[in-house]
Amino acid sequence: MQFDDGRTCAFHTDGAKAAQWLLACDGNKVQEYVRIERYQEAVIGNSPVTPDGWISCSERMPDSKTGVLVAREFDRKGDWRMKWATYIPGHPDANDGWIIPGASWIPSHWMPLPEPPQEEK
């Protein structure tokens, strides 16, 4: 396969990248090698996402300047803290890229905020 910047690769081991290439493939451009489970996870959109919608910060960060819900487990198992936050890498007030009003901890997981309520007609 050939990347946009001209680099080439004979195979892929990352499920999300393989899925992206295969979905855009016309059948003549690429040959991908990836564990089927990772490909399936990427195609259904669950690669770094847990079944309940939480995304591990070690897998992927949210788009910059986007409000999200963040969480971190503290001292006791099941002692999760959750808050609204914005990820802004390089911001002078950010803690490891995170601005979390009223908190000084760094989250381990995040998820997109739900859509706002719709006005009833």
PDB file of N, CA and C in Angstrom:
ATOM      1  N   MET A   1       0.837  -1.166   0.000  1.00  0.00           N
ATOM      2  CA  MET A   1       0.000   0.000   0.000  1.00  0.00           C
ATOM      3  C   MET A   1       0.877   1.222   0.000  1.00  0.00           C
ATOM      4  N   GLN A   2       0.346   2.337  -0.446  1.00  0.00           N
ATOM      5  CA  GLN A   2       1.108   3.574  -0.451  1.00  0.00           C
ATOM      6  C   GLN A   2       0.331   4.631   0.316  1.00  0.00           C
ATOM      7  N   PHE A   3       1.030   5.308   1.248  1.00  0.00           N
ATOM      8  CA  PHE A   3       0.430   6.372   2.035  1.00  0.00           C
ATOM      9  C   PHE A   3       0.389   7.655   1.210  1.00  0.00           C
ATOM     10  N   ASP A   4      -0.390   8.631   1.677  1.00  0.00           N
ATOM     11  CA  ASP A   4      -0.501   9.910   0.981  1.00  0.00           C
ATOM     12  C   ASP A   4       0.852  10.612   0.836  1.00  0.00           C
ATOM     13  N   ASP A   5       1.746  10.431   1.821  1.00  0.00           N
ATOM     14  CA  ASP A   5       3.047  11.099   1.758  1.00  0.00           C
ATOM     15  C   ASP A   5       4.071  10.333   0.918  1.00  0.00           C
ATOM     16  N   GLY A   6       3.669   9.236   0.271  1.00  0.00           N
ATOM     17  CA  GLY A   6       4.545   8.488  -0.611  1.00  0.00           C
ATOM     18  C   GLY A   6       5.201   7.269   0.005  1.00  0.00           C
ATOM     19  N   ARG A   7       5.158   7.141   1.358  1.00  0.00           N
ATOM     20  CA  ARG A   7       5.730   5.964   2.001  1.00  0.00           C
ATOM     21  C   ARG A   7       4.929   4.731   1.595  1.00  0.00           C
ATOM     22  N   THR A   8       5.582   3.579   1.563  1.00  0.00           N
ATOM     23  CA  THR A   8       4.885   2.341   1.233  1.00  0.00           C
ATOM     24  C   THR A   8       4.992   1.356   2.384  1.00  0.00           C
ATOM     25  N   CYS A   9       4.054   0.428   2.426  1.00  0.00           N
ATOM     26  CA  CYS A   9       4.019  -0.599   3.461  1.00  0.00           C
ATOM     27  C   CYS A   9       3.439  -1.861   2.841  1.00  0.00           C
ATOM     28  N   ALA A  10       4.064  -3.007   3.124  1.00  0.00           N
ATOM     29  CA  ALA A  10       3.601  -4.265   2.554  1.00  0.00           C
ATOM     30  C   ALA A  10       2.461  -4.883   3.349  1.00  0.00           C
ATOM     31  N   PHE A  11       2.328  -4.510   4.627  1.00  0.00           N
ATOM     32  CA  PHE A  11       1.266  -5.088   5.445  1.00  0.00           C
ATOM     33  C   PHE A  11       0.923  -4.151   6.591  1.00  0.00           C
ATOM     34  N   HIS A  12      -0.186  -4.414   7.254  1.00  0.00           N
ATOM     35  CA  HIS A  12      -0.633  -3.631   8.406  1.00  0.00           C
ATOM     36  C   HIS A  12      -0.966  -4.565   9.548  1.00  0.00           C
ATOM     37  N   THR A  13      -0.571  -4.205  10.761  1.00  0.00           N
ATOM     38  CA  THR A  13      -0.960  -4.980  11.935  1.00  0.00           C
ATOM     39  C   THR A  13      -1.988  -4.235  12.773  1.00  0.00           C
ATOM     40  N   ASP A  14      -2.259  -2.976  12.463  1.00  0.00           N
ATOM     41  CA  ASP A  14      -3.231  -2.178  13.198  1.00  0.00           C
ATOM     42  C   ASP A  14      -4.606  -2.337  12.560  1.00  0.00           C
ATOM     43  N   GLY A  15      -5.576  -2.790  13.347  1.00  0.00           N
ATOM     44  CA  GLY A  15      -6.908  -3.059  12.818  1.00  0.00           C
ATOM     45  C   GLY A  15      -7.601  -1.838  12.256  1.00  0.00           C
ATOM     46  N   ALA A  16      -7.506  -0.698  12.946  1.00  0.00           N
ATOM     47  CA  ALA A  16      -8.189   0.515  12.482  1.00  0.00           C
ATOM     48  C   ALA A  16      -7.607   0.996  11.160  1.00  0.00           C
ATOM     49  N   LYS A  17      -6.273   0.980  11.038  1.00  0.00           N
ATOM     50  CA  LYS A  17      -5.645   1.416   9.791  1.00  0.00           C
ATOM     51  C   LYS A  17      -5.984   0.455   8.656  1.00  0.00           C
ATOM     52  N   ALA A  18      -5.976  -0.833   8.954  1.00  0.00           N
ATOM     53  CA  ALA A  18      -6.315  -1.818   7.927  1.00  0.00           C
ATOM     54  C   ALA A  18      -7.753  -1.630   7.464  1.00  0.00           C
ATOM     55  N   ALA A  19      -8.652  -1.396   8.411  1.00  0.00           N
ATOM     56  CA  ALA A  19     -10.056  -1.190   8.051  1.00  0.00           C
ATOM     57  C   ALA A  19     -10.215   0.039   7.178  1.00  0.00           C
ATOM     58  N   GLN A  20      -9.518   1.119   7.540  1.00  0.00           N
ATOM     59  CA  GLN A  20      -9.597   2.348   6.753  1.00  0.00           C
ATOM     60  C   GLN A  20      -9.131   2.101   5.324  1.00  0.00           C
ATOM     61  N   TRP A  21      -8.014   1.422   5.170  1.00  0.00           N
ATOM     62  CA  TRP A  21      -7.503   1.139   3.838  1.00  0.00           C
ATOM     63  C   TRP A  21      -8.410   0.191   3.069  1.00  0.00           C
ATOM     64  N   LEU A  22      -8.892  -0.850   3.727  1.00  0.00           N
ATOM     65  CA  LEU A  22      -9.733  -1.820   3.030  1.00  0.00           C
ATOM     66  C   LEU A  22     -11.064  -1.229   2.601  1.00  0.00           C
ATOM     67  N   LEU A  23     -11.639  -0.361   3.434  1.00  0.00           N
ATOM     68  CA  LEU A  23     -12.915   0.249   3.077  1.00  0.00           C
ATOM     69  C   LEU A  23     -12.770   1.192   1.891  1.00  0.00           C
ATOM     70  N   ALA A  24     -11.585   1.788   1.727  1.00  0.00           N
ATOM     71  CA  ALA A  24     -11.352   2.702   0.609  1.00  0.00           C
ATOM     72  C   ALA A  24     -10.741   1.998  -0.602  1.00  0.00           C
ATOM     73  N   CYS A  25     -10.425   0.732  -0.471  1.00  0.00           N
ATOM     74  CA  CYS A  25      -9.714  -0.011  -1.506  1.00  0.00           C
ATOM     75  C   CYS A  25     -10.620  -0.356  -2.684  1.00  0.00           C
ATOM     76  N   ASP A  26     -10.071  -0.221  -3.894  1.00  0.00           N
ATOM     77  CA  ASP A  26     -10.829  -0.614  -5.080  1.00  0.00           C
ATOM     78  C   ASP A  26     -10.561  -2.065  -5.453  1.00  0.00           C
ATOM     79  N   GLY A  27      -9.789  -2.766  -4.617  1.00  0.00           N
ATOM     80  CA  GLY A  27      -9.486  -4.168  -4.882  1.00  0.00           C
ATOM     81  C   GLY A  27      -8.157  -4.385  -5.575  1.00  0.00           C
ATOM     82  N   ASN A  28      -7.554  -3.334  -6.097  1.00  0.00           N
ATOM     83  CA  ASN A  28      -6.301  -3.471  -6.827  1.00  0.00           C
ATOM     84  C   ASN A  28      -5.115  -2.800  -6.149  1.00  0.00           C
ATOM     85  N   LYS A  29      -5.358  -1.997  -5.119  1.00  0.00           N
ATOM     86  CA  LYS A  29      -4.298  -1.180  -4.545  1.00  0.00           C
ATOM     87  C   LYS A  29      -3.532  -1.825  -3.402  1.00  0.00           C
ATOM     88  N   VAL A  30      -4.228  -2.529  -2.527  1.00  0.00           N
ATOM     89  CA  VAL A  30      -3.581  -2.939  -1.285  1.00  0.00           C
ATOM     90  C   VAL A  30      -3.836  -4.397  -0.960  1.00  0.00           C
ATOM     91  N   GLN A  31      -2.931  -4.926  -0.188  1.00  0.00           N
ATOM     92  CA  GLN A  31      -3.115  -6.246   0.392  1.00  0.00           C
ATOM     93  C   GLN A  31      -2.824  -6.077   1.873  1.00  0.00           C
ATOM     94  N   GLU A  32      -3.794  -6.382   2.723  1.00  0.00           N
ATOM     95  CA  GLU A  32      -3.660  -6.152   4.156  1.00  0.00           C
ATOM     96  C   GLU A  32      -3.562  -7.465   4.915  1.00  0.00           C
ATOM     97  N   TYR A  33      -2.728  -7.480   5.946  1.00  0.00           N
ATOM     98  CA  TYR A  33      -2.613  -8.616   6.843  1.00  0.00           C
ATOM     99  C   TYR A  33      -2.867  -8.109   8.255  1.00  0.00           C
ATOM    100  N   VAL A  34      -3.913  -8.596   8.886  1.00  0.00           N
ATOM    101  CA  VAL A  34      -4.254  -8.163  10.236  1.00  0.00           C
ATOM    102  C   VAL A  34      -5.080  -9.260  10.891  1.00  0.00           C
ATOM    103  N   ARG A  35      -4.964  -9.388  12.206  1.00  0.00           N
ATOM    104  CA  ARG A  35      -5.796 -10.372  12.894  1.00  0.00           C
ATOM    105  C   ARG A  35      -7.254 -10.022  12.657  1.00  0.00           C
ATOM    106  N   ILE A  36      -8.071 -10.990  12.335  1.00  0.00           N
ATOM    107  CA  ILE A  36      -9.467 -10.749  11.980  1.00  0.00           C
ATOM    108  C   ILE A  36     -10.229 -10.068  13.110  1.00  0.00           C
ATOM    109  N   GLU A  37      -9.895 -10.391  14.359  1.00  0.00           N
ATOM    110  CA  GLU A  37     -10.600  -9.767  15.476  1.00  0.00           C
ATOM    111  C   GLU A  37     -10.360  -8.264  15.501  1.00  0.00           C
ATOM    112  N   ARG A  38      -9.123  -7.828  15.239  1.00  0.00           N
ATOM    113  CA  ARG A  38      -8.812  -6.401  15.245  1.00  0.00           C
ATOM    114  C   ARG A  38      -9.486  -5.701  14.074  1.00  0.00           C
ATOM    115  N   TYR A  39      -9.548  -6.367  12.931  1.00  0.00           N
ATOM    116  CA  TYR A  39     -10.252  -5.784  11.789  1.00  0.00           C
ATOM    117  C   TYR A  39     -11.736  -5.632  12.108  1.00  0.00           C
ATOM    118  N   GLN A  40     -12.346  -6.672  12.673  1.00  0.00           N
ATOM    119  CA  GLN A  40     -13.769  -6.612  13.011  1.00  0.00           C
ATOM    120  C   GLN A  40     -14.047  -5.498  14.011  1.00  0.00           C
ATOM    121  N   GLU A  41     -13.207  -5.362  15.038  1.00  0.00           N
ATOM    122  CA  GLU A  41     -13.392  -4.299  16.019  1.00  0.00           C
ATOM    123  C   GLU A  41     -13.314  -2.931  15.357  1.00  0.00           C
ATOM    124  N   ALA A  42     -12.361  -2.753  14.463  1.00  0.00           N
ATOM    125  CA  ALA A  42     -12.205  -1.463  13.802  1.00  0.00           C
ATOM    126  C   ALA A  42     -13.395  -1.143  12.907  1.00  0.00           C
ATOM    127  N   VAL A  43     -13.881  -2.133  12.182  1.00  0.00           N
ATOM    128  CA  VAL A  43     -15.005  -1.902  11.277  1.00  0.00           C
ATOM    129  C   VAL A  43     -16.270  -1.528  12.037  1.00  0.00           C
ATOM    130  N   ILE A  44     -16.499  -2.166  13.191  1.00  0.00           N
ATOM    131  CA  ILE A  44     -17.709  -1.832  13.941  1.00  0.00           C
ATOM    132  C   ILE A  44     -17.493  -0.641  14.864  1.00  0.00           C
ATOM    133  N   GLY A  45     -16.295  -0.063  14.846  1.00  0.00           N
ATOM    134  CA  GLY A  45     -16.050   1.161  15.586  1.00  0.00           C
ATOM    135  C   GLY A  45     -15.711   0.982  17.044  1.00  0.00           C
ATOM    136  N   ASN A  46     -15.305  -0.192  17.480  1.00  0.00           N
ATOM    137  CA  ASN A  46     -15.023  -0.409  18.894  1.00  0.00           C
ATOM    138  C   ASN A  46     -13.541  -0.548  19.199  1.00  0.00           C
ATOM    139  N   SER A  47     -12.662  -0.185  18.308  1.00  0.00           N
ATOM    140  CA  SER A  47     -11.254  -0.478  18.532  1.00  0.00           C
ATOM    141  C   SER A  47     -10.744  -0.007  19.888  1.00  0.00           C
ATOM    142  N   PRO A  48     -10.659   1.301  20.187  1.00  0.00           N
ATOM    143  CA  PRO A  48     -10.207   1.688  21.518  1.00  0.00           C
ATOM    144  C   PRO A  48     -11.356   1.998  22.465  1.00  0.00           C
ATOM    145  N   VAL A  49     -12.563   1.619  22.110  1.00  0.00           N
ATOM    146  CA  VAL A  49     -13.736   1.995  22.890  1.00  0.00           C
ATOM    147  C   VAL A  49     -14.270   0.785  23.641  1.00  0.00           C
ATOM    148  N   THR A  50     -14.570   0.969  24.919  1.00  0.00           N
ATOM    149  CA  THR A  50     -15.179  -0.104  25.689  1.00  0.00           C
ATOM    150  C   THR A  50     -16.651  -0.202  25.310  1.00  0.00           C
ATOM    151  N   PRO A  51     -17.314  -1.320  25.609  1.00  0.00           N
ATOM    152  CA  PRO A  51     -18.714  -1.478  25.221  1.00  0.00           C
ATOM    153  C   PRO A  51     -19.634  -0.383  25.760  1.00  0.00           C
ATOM    154  N   ASP A  52     -19.261   0.246  26.885  1.00  0.00           N
ATOM    155  CA  ASP A  52     -20.116   1.291  27.439  1.00  0.00           C
ATOM    156  C   ASP A  52     -19.799   2.672  26.876  1.00  0.00           C
ATOM    157  N   GLY A  53     -18.899   2.778  25.911  1.00  0.00           N
ATOM    158  CA  GLY A  53     -18.621   4.040  25.245  1.00  0.00           C
ATOM    159  C   GLY A  53     -17.394   4.784  25.733  1.00  0.00           C
ATOM    160  N   TRP A  54     -16.751   4.318  26.807  1.00  0.00           N
ATOM    161  CA  TRP A  54     -15.552   4.984  27.306  1.00  0.00           C
ATOM    162  C   TRP A  54     -14.363   4.660  26.408  1.00  0.00           C
ATOM    163  N   ILE A  55     -13.539   5.662  26.130  1.00  0.00           N
ATOM    164  CA  ILE A  55     -12.349   5.512  25.295  1.00  0.00           C
ATOM    165  C   ILE A  55     -11.125   5.702  26.186  1.00  0.00           C
ATOM    166  N   SER A  56     -10.207   4.782  26.139  1.00  0.00           N
ATOM    167  CA  SER A  56      -8.994   4.876  26.943  1.00  0.00           C
ATOM    168  C   SER A  56      -8.096   5.990  26.406  1.00  0.00           C
ATOM    169  N   CYS A  57      -7.603   6.843  27.297  1.00  0.00           N
ATOM    170  CA  CYS A  57      -6.692   7.916  26.889  1.00  0.00           C
ATOM    171  C   CYS A  57      -5.390   7.356  26.335  1.00  0.00           C
ATOM    172  N   SER A  58      -5.029   6.151  26.721  1.00  0.00           N
ATOM    173  CA  SER A  58      -3.811   5.543  26.187  1.00  0.00           C
ATOM    174  C   SER A  58      -3.992   5.105  24.739  1.00  0.00           C
ATOM    175  N   GLU A  59      -5.219   4.966  24.300  1.00  0.00           N
ATOM    176  CA  GLU A  59      -5.504   4.551  22.924  1.00  0.00           C
ATOM    177  C   GLU A  59      -5.715   5.735  21.983  1.00  0.00           C
ATOM    178  N   ARG A  60      -6.457   6.737  22.459  1.00  0.00           N
ATOM    179  CA  ARG A  60      -6.817   7.857  21.579  1.00  0.00           C
ATOM    180  C   ARG A  60      -7.271   9.023  22.432  1.00  0.00           C
ATOM    181  N   MET A  61      -6.933  10.235  22.013  1.00  0.00           N
ATOM    182  CA  MET A  61      -7.371  11.443  22.707  1.00  0.00           C
ATOM    183  C   MET A  61      -8.476  12.106  21.884  1.00  0.00           C
ATOM    184  N   PRO A  62      -9.328  12.895  22.544  1.00  0.00           N
ATOM    185  CA  PRO A  62     -10.382  13.582  21.794  1.00  0.00           C
ATOM    186  C   PRO A  62      -9.800  14.702  20.943  1.00  0.00           C
ATOM    187  N   ASP A  63     -10.606  15.201  20.021  1.00  0.00           N
ATOM    188  CA  ASP A  63     -10.195  16.363  19.243  1.00  0.00           C
ATOM    189  C   ASP A  63      -9.942  17.523  20.192  1.00  0.00           C
ATOM    190  N   SER A  64      -8.946  18.333  19.876  1.00  0.00           N
ATOM    191  CA  SER A  64      -8.610  19.480  20.709  1.00  0.00           C
ATOM    192  C   SER A  64      -9.781  20.462  20.779  1.00  0.00           C
ATOM    193  N   LYS A  65      -9.955  21.054  21.947  1.00  0.00           N
ATOM    194  CA  LYS A  65     -10.967  22.085  22.208  1.00  0.00           C
ATOM    195  C   LYS A  65     -12.390  21.553  22.105  1.00  0.00           C
ATOM    196  N   THR A  66     -12.573  20.268  22.378  1.00  0.00           N
ATOM    197  CA  THR A  66     -13.895  19.648  22.355  1.00  0.00           C
ATOM    198  C   THR A  66     -14.249  19.207  23.766  1.00  0.00           C
ATOM    199  N   GLY A  67     -15.425  19.601  24.250  1.00  0.00           N
ATOM    200  CA  GLY A  67     -15.874  19.181  25.570  1.00  0.00           C
ATOM    201  C   GLY A  67     -16.202  17.698  25.579  1.00  0.00           C
ATOM    202  N   VAL A  68     -15.740  17.002  26.625  1.00  0.00           N
ATOM    203  CA  VAL A  68     -15.983  15.566  26.773  1.00  0.00           C
ATOM    204  C   VAL A  68     -16.235  15.253  28.243  1.00  0.00           C
ATOM    205  N   LEU A  69     -16.722  14.063  28.511  1.00  0.00           N
ATOM    206  CA  LEU A  69     -16.844  13.550  29.866  1.00  0.00           C
ATOM    207  C   LEU A  69     -15.595  12.720  30.133  1.00  0.00           C
ATOM    208  N   VAL A  70     -14.939  12.954  31.289  1.00  0.00           N
ATOM    209  CA  VAL A  70     -13.723  12.212  31.623  1.00  0.00           C
ATOM    210  C   VAL A  70     -13.921  11.429  32.915  1.00  0.00           C
ATOM    211  N   ALA A  71     -13.111  10.385  33.095  1.00  0.00           N
ATOM    212  CA  ALA A  71     -13.216   9.551  34.296  1.00  0.00           C
ATOM    213  C   ALA A  71     -11.844   9.021  34.682  1.00  0.00           C
ATOM    214  N   ARG A  72     -11.727   8.714  35.972  1.00  0.00           N
ATOM    215  CA  ARG A  72     -10.516   8.080  36.504  1.00  0.00           C
ATOM    216  C   ARG A  72     -10.900   7.301  37.749  1.00  0.00           C
ATOM    217  N   GLU A  73     -10.349   6.099  37.870  1.00  0.00           N
ATOM    218  CA  GLU A  73     -10.570   5.302  39.073  1.00  0.00           C
ATOM    219  C   GLU A  73      -9.534   5.721  40.113  1.00  0.00           C
ATOM    220  N   PHE A  74      -9.985   5.953  41.344  1.00  0.00           N
ATOM    221  CA  PHE A  74      -9.074   6.416  42.395  1.00  0.00           C
ATOM    222  C   PHE A  74      -8.632   5.266  43.290  1.00  0.00           C
ATOM    223  N   ASP A  75      -8.489   5.484  44.579  1.00  0.00           N
ATOM    224  CA  ASP A  75      -7.851   4.533  45.495  1.00  0.00           C
ATOM    225  C   ASP A  75      -8.527   3.174  45.586  1.00  0.00           C
ATOM    226  N   ARG A  76      -9.828   3.150  45.662  1.00  0.00           N
ATOM    227  CA  ARG A  76     -10.542   1.875  45.809  1.00  0.00           C
ATOM    228  C   ARG A  76     -11.129   1.441  44.465  1.00  0.00           C
ATOM    229  N   LYS A  77     -11.132   0.137  44.225  1.00  0.00           N
ATOM    230  CA  LYS A  77     -11.737  -0.386  42.995  1.00  0.00           C
ATOM    231  C   LYS A  77     -13.192   0.057  42.934  1.00  0.00           C
ATOM    232  N   GLY A  78     -13.584   0.607  41.814  1.00  0.00           N
ATOM    233  CA  GLY A  78     -14.946   1.091  41.641  1.00  0.00           C
ATOM    234  C   GLY A  78     -15.150   2.528  42.083  1.00  0.00           C
ATOM    235  N   ASP A  79     -14.102   3.168  42.620  1.00  0.00           N
ATOM    236  CA  ASP A  79     -14.186   4.565  43.066  1.00  0.00           C
ATOM    237  C   ASP A  79     -13.837   5.482  41.894  1.00  0.00           C
ATOM    238  N   TRP A  80     -14.778   5.612  40.980  1.00  0.00           N
ATOM    239  CA  TRP A  80     -14.582   6.408  39.770  1.00  0.00           C
ATOM    240  C   TRP A  80     -15.021   7.840  40.008  1.00  0.00           C
ATOM    241  N   ARG A  81     -14.257   8.795  39.470  1.00  0.00           N
ATOM    242  CA  ARG A  81     -14.639  10.210  39.469  1.00  0.00           C
ATOM    243  C   ARG A  81     -14.878  10.589  38.020  1.00  0.00           C
ATOM    244  N   MET A  82     -15.918  11.361  37.787  1.00  0.00           N
ATOM    245  CA  MET A  82     -16.253  11.797  36.436  1.00  0.00           C
ATOM    246  C   MET A  82     -16.528  13.290  36.433  1.00  0.00           C
ATOM    247  N   LYS A  83     -16.059  13.973  35.405  1.00  0.00           N
ATOM    248  CA  LYS A  83     -16.282  15.405  35.258  1.00  0.00           C
ATOM    249  C   LYS A  83     -16.296  15.759  33.779  1.00  0.00           C
ATOM    250  N   TRP A  84     -16.782  16.957  33.519  1.00  0.00           N
ATOM    251  CA  TRP A  84     -16.704  17.525  32.178  1.00  0.00           C
ATOM    252  C   TRP A  84     -15.307  18.104  32.011  1.00  0.00           C
ATOM    253  N   ALA A  85     -14.725  17.991  30.821  1.00  0.00           N
ATOM    254  CA  ALA A  85     -13.370  18.498  30.589  1.00  0.00           C
ATOM    255  C   ALA A  85     -13.185  18.869  29.122  1.00  0.00           C
ATOM    256  N   THR A  86     -12.092  19.575  28.870  1.00  0.00           N
ATOM    257  CA  THR A  86     -11.687  19.920  27.512  1.00  0.00           C
ATOM    258  C   THR A  86     -10.218  19.548  27.362  1.00  0.00           C
ATOM    259  N   TYR A  87      -9.890  18.927  26.251  1.00  0.00           N
ATOM    260  CA  TYR A  87      -8.503  18.554  25.973  1.00  0.00           C
ATOM    261  C   TYR A  87      -7.886  19.625  25.086  1.00  0.00           C
ATOM    262  N   ILE A  88      -6.891  20.363  25.635  1.00  0.00           N
ATOM    263  CA  ILE A  88      -6.225  21.430  24.885  1.00  0.00           C
ATOM    264  C   ILE A  88      -4.714  21.309  25.121  1.00  0.00           C
ATOM    265  N   PRO A  89      -4.037  20.458  24.366  1.00  0.00           N
ATOM    266  CA  PRO A  89      -2.595  20.295  24.569  1.00  0.00           C
ATOM    267  C   PRO A  89      -1.866  21.622  24.382  1.00  0.00           C
ATOM    268  N   GLY A  90      -0.911  21.889  25.279  1.00  0.00           N
ATOM    269  CA  GLY A  90      -0.124  23.113  25.183  1.00  0.00           C
ATOM    270  C   GLY A  90      -0.728  24.321  25.873  1.00  0.00           C
ATOM    271  N   HIS A  91      -1.967  24.233  26.328  1.00  0.00           N
ATOM    272  CA  HIS A  91      -2.591  25.362  27.024  1.00  0.00           C
ATOM    273  C   HIS A  91      -1.866  25.574  28.348  1.00  0.00           C
ATOM    274  N   PRO A  92      -1.567  26.836  28.718  1.00  0.00           N
ATOM    275  CA  PRO A  92      -0.798  27.071  29.944  1.00  0.00           C
ATOM    276  C   PRO A  92      -1.502  26.619  31.228  1.00  0.00           C
ATOM    277  N   ASP A  93      -2.812  26.539  31.234  1.00  0.00           N
ATOM    278  CA  ASP A  93      -3.550  26.111  32.425  1.00  0.00           C
ATOM    279  C   ASP A  93      -3.882  24.622  32.422  1.00  0.00           C
ATOM    280  N   ALA A  94      -3.496  23.919  31.372  1.00  0.00           N
ATOM    281  CA  ALA A  94      -3.864  22.505  31.247  1.00  0.00           C
ATOM    282  C   ALA A  94      -2.926  21.615  32.059  1.00  0.00           C
ATOM    283  N   ASN A  95      -3.478  20.529  32.572  1.00  0.00           N
ATOM    284  CA  ASN A  95      -2.725  19.506  33.292  1.00  0.00           C
ATOM    285  C   ASN A  95      -2.594  18.314  32.352  1.00  0.00           C
ATOM    286  N   ASP A  96      -1.421  18.123  31.765  1.00  0.00           N
ATOM    287  CA  ASP A  96      -1.192  17.075  30.771  1.00  0.00           C
ATOM    288  C   ASP A  96      -2.154  17.206  29.585  1.00  0.00           C
ATOM    289  N   GLY A  97      -2.483  18.445  29.238  1.00  0.00           N
ATOM    290  CA  GLY A  97      -3.376  18.713  28.111  1.00  0.00           C
ATOM    291  C   GLY A  97      -4.837  18.867  28.486  1.00  0.00           C
ATOM    292  N   TRP A  98      -5.201  18.540  29.724  1.00  0.00           N
ATOM    293  CA  TRP A  98      -6.605  18.554  30.154  1.00  0.00           C
ATOM    294  C   TRP A  98      -6.933  19.782  30.987  1.00  0.00           C
ATOM    295  N   ILE A  99      -8.044  20.403  30.697  1.00  0.00           N
ATOM    296  CA  ILE A  99      -8.619  21.435  31.556  1.00  0.00           C
ATOM    297  C   ILE A  99      -9.895  20.835  32.124  1.00  0.00           C
ATOM    298  N   ILE A 100      -9.867  20.589  33.448  1.00  0.00           N
ATOM    299  CA  ILE A 100     -10.997  19.979  34.147  1.00  0.00           C
ATOM    300  C   ILE A 100     -11.385  20.926  35.277  1.00  0.00           C
ATOM    301  N   PRO A 101     -12.429  21.741  35.097  1.00  0.00           N
ATOM    302  CA  PRO A 101     -12.807  22.695  36.143  1.00  0.00           C
ATOM    303  C   PRO A 101     -13.033  22.003  37.490  1.00  0.00           C
ATOM    304  N   GLY A 102     -12.350  22.509  38.521  1.00  0.00           N
ATOM    305  CA  GLY A 102     -12.526  21.979  39.866  1.00  0.00           C
ATOM    306  C   GLY A 102     -11.821  20.672  40.144  1.00  0.00           C
ATOM    307  N   ALA A 103     -10.900  20.260  39.287  1.00  0.00           N
ATOM    308  CA  ALA A 103     -10.189  18.996  39.504  1.00  0.00           C
ATOM    309  C   ALA A 103      -8.727  19.158  39.103  1.00  0.00           C
ATOM    310  N   SER A 104      -7.856  18.378  39.730  1.00  0.00           N
ATOM    311  CA  SER A 104      -6.432  18.425  39.394  1.00  0.00           C
ATOM    312  C   SER A 104      -5.904  17.065  38.938  1.00  0.00           C
ATOM    313  N   TRP A 105      -6.786  16.087  38.743  1.00  0.00           N
ATOM    314  CA  TRP A 105      -6.357  14.754  38.322  1.00  0.00           C
ATOM    315  C   TRP A 105      -6.349  14.640  36.802  1.00  0.00           C
ATOM    316  N   ILE A 106      -5.632  13.635  36.324  1.00  0.00           N
ATOM    317  CA  ILE A 106      -5.538  13.365  34.888  1.00  0.00           C
ATOM    318  C   ILE A 106      -6.412  12.153  34.590  1.00  0.00           C
ATOM    319  N   PRO A 107      -7.337  12.268  33.648  1.00  0.00           N
ATOM    320  CA  PRO A 107      -8.256  11.157  33.369  1.00  0.00           C
ATOM    321  C   PRO A 107      -7.570   9.971  32.700  1.00  0.00           C
ATOM    322  N   SER A 108      -8.180   8.804  32.889  1.00  0.00           N
ATOM    323  CA  SER A 108      -7.711   7.599  32.202  1.00  0.00           C
ATOM    324  C   SER A 108      -8.612   7.259  31.016  1.00  0.00           C
ATOM    325  N   HIS A 109      -9.862   7.771  31.043  1.00  0.00           N
ATOM    326  CA  HIS A 109     -10.843   7.485  29.995  1.00  0.00           C
ATOM    327  C   HIS A 109     -11.650   8.746  29.691  1.00  0.00           C
ATOM    328  N   TRP A 110     -12.230   8.775  28.494  1.00  0.00           N
ATOM    329  CA  TRP A 110     -13.113   9.873  28.116  1.00  0.00           C
ATOM    330  C   TRP A 110     -14.200   9.344  27.193  1.00  0.00           C
ATOM    331  N   MET A 111     -15.250  10.129  27.043  1.00  0.00           N
ATOM    332  CA  MET A 111     -16.305   9.805  26.077  1.00  0.00           C
ATOM    333  C   MET A 111     -16.925  11.110  25.582  1.00  0.00           C
ATOM    334  N   PRO A 112     -17.449  11.109  24.365  1.00  0.00           N
ATOM    335  CA  PRO A 112     -18.106  12.313  23.857  1.00  0.00           C
ATOM    336  C   PRO A 112     -19.318  12.660  24.716  1.00  0.00           C
ATOM    337  N   LEU A 113     -19.611  13.944  24.793  1.00  0.00           N
ATOM    338  CA  LEU A 113     -20.817  14.372  25.495  1.00  0.00           C
ATOM    339  C   LEU A 113     -22.035  13.970  24.677  1.00  0.00           C
ATOM    340  N   PRO A 114     -23.153  13.699  25.328  1.00  0.00           N
ATOM    341  CA  PRO A 114     -24.367  13.372  24.570  1.00  0.00           C
ATOM    342  C   PRO A 114     -24.874  14.604  23.827  1.00  0.00           C
ATOM    343  N   GLU A 115     -25.708  14.374  22.859  1.00  0.00           N
ATOM    344  CA  GLU A 115     -26.335  15.482  22.142  1.00  0.00           C
ATOM    345  C   GLU A 115     -27.229  16.253  23.108  1.00  0.00           C
ATOM    346  N   PRO A 116     -27.360  17.570  22.926  1.00  0.00           N
ATOM    347  CA  PRO A 116     -28.246  18.333  23.811  1.00  0.00           C
ATOM    348  C   PRO A 116     -29.705  17.945  23.580  1.00  0.00           C
ATOM    349  N   PRO A 117     -30.564  18.226  24.566  1.00  0.00           N
ATOM    350  CA  PRO A 117     -31.985  17.901  24.392  1.00  0.00           C
ATOM    351  C   PRO A 117     -32.574  18.651  23.197  1.00  0.00           C
ATOM    352  N   GLN A 118     -33.503  18.008  22.542  1.00  0.00           N
ATOM    353  CA  GLN A 118     -34.203  18.643  21.427  1.00  0.00           C
ATOM    354  C   GLN A 118     -35.444  19.342  21.955  1.00  0.00           C
ATOM    355  N   GLU A 119     -35.743  20.493  21.395  1.00  0.00           N
ATOM    356  CA  GLU A 119     -36.937  21.229  21.803  1.00  0.00           C
ATOM    357  C   GLU A 119     -38.170  20.464  21.353  1.00  0.00           C
ATOM    358  N   GLU A 120     -39.098  20.280  22.286  1.00  0.00           N
ATOM    359  CA  GLU A 120     -40.337  19.580  21.940  1.00  0.00           C
ATOM    360  C   GLU A 120     -41.230  20.510  21.140  1.00  0.00           C
ATOM    361  N   LYS A 121     -41.908  19.943  20.149  1.00  0.00           N
ATOM    362  CA  LYS A 121     -42.787  20.757  19.294  1.00  0.00           C
ATOM    363  C   LYS A 121     -44.218  20.563  19.674  1.00  0.00           C
TER     364      LYS A 121
END
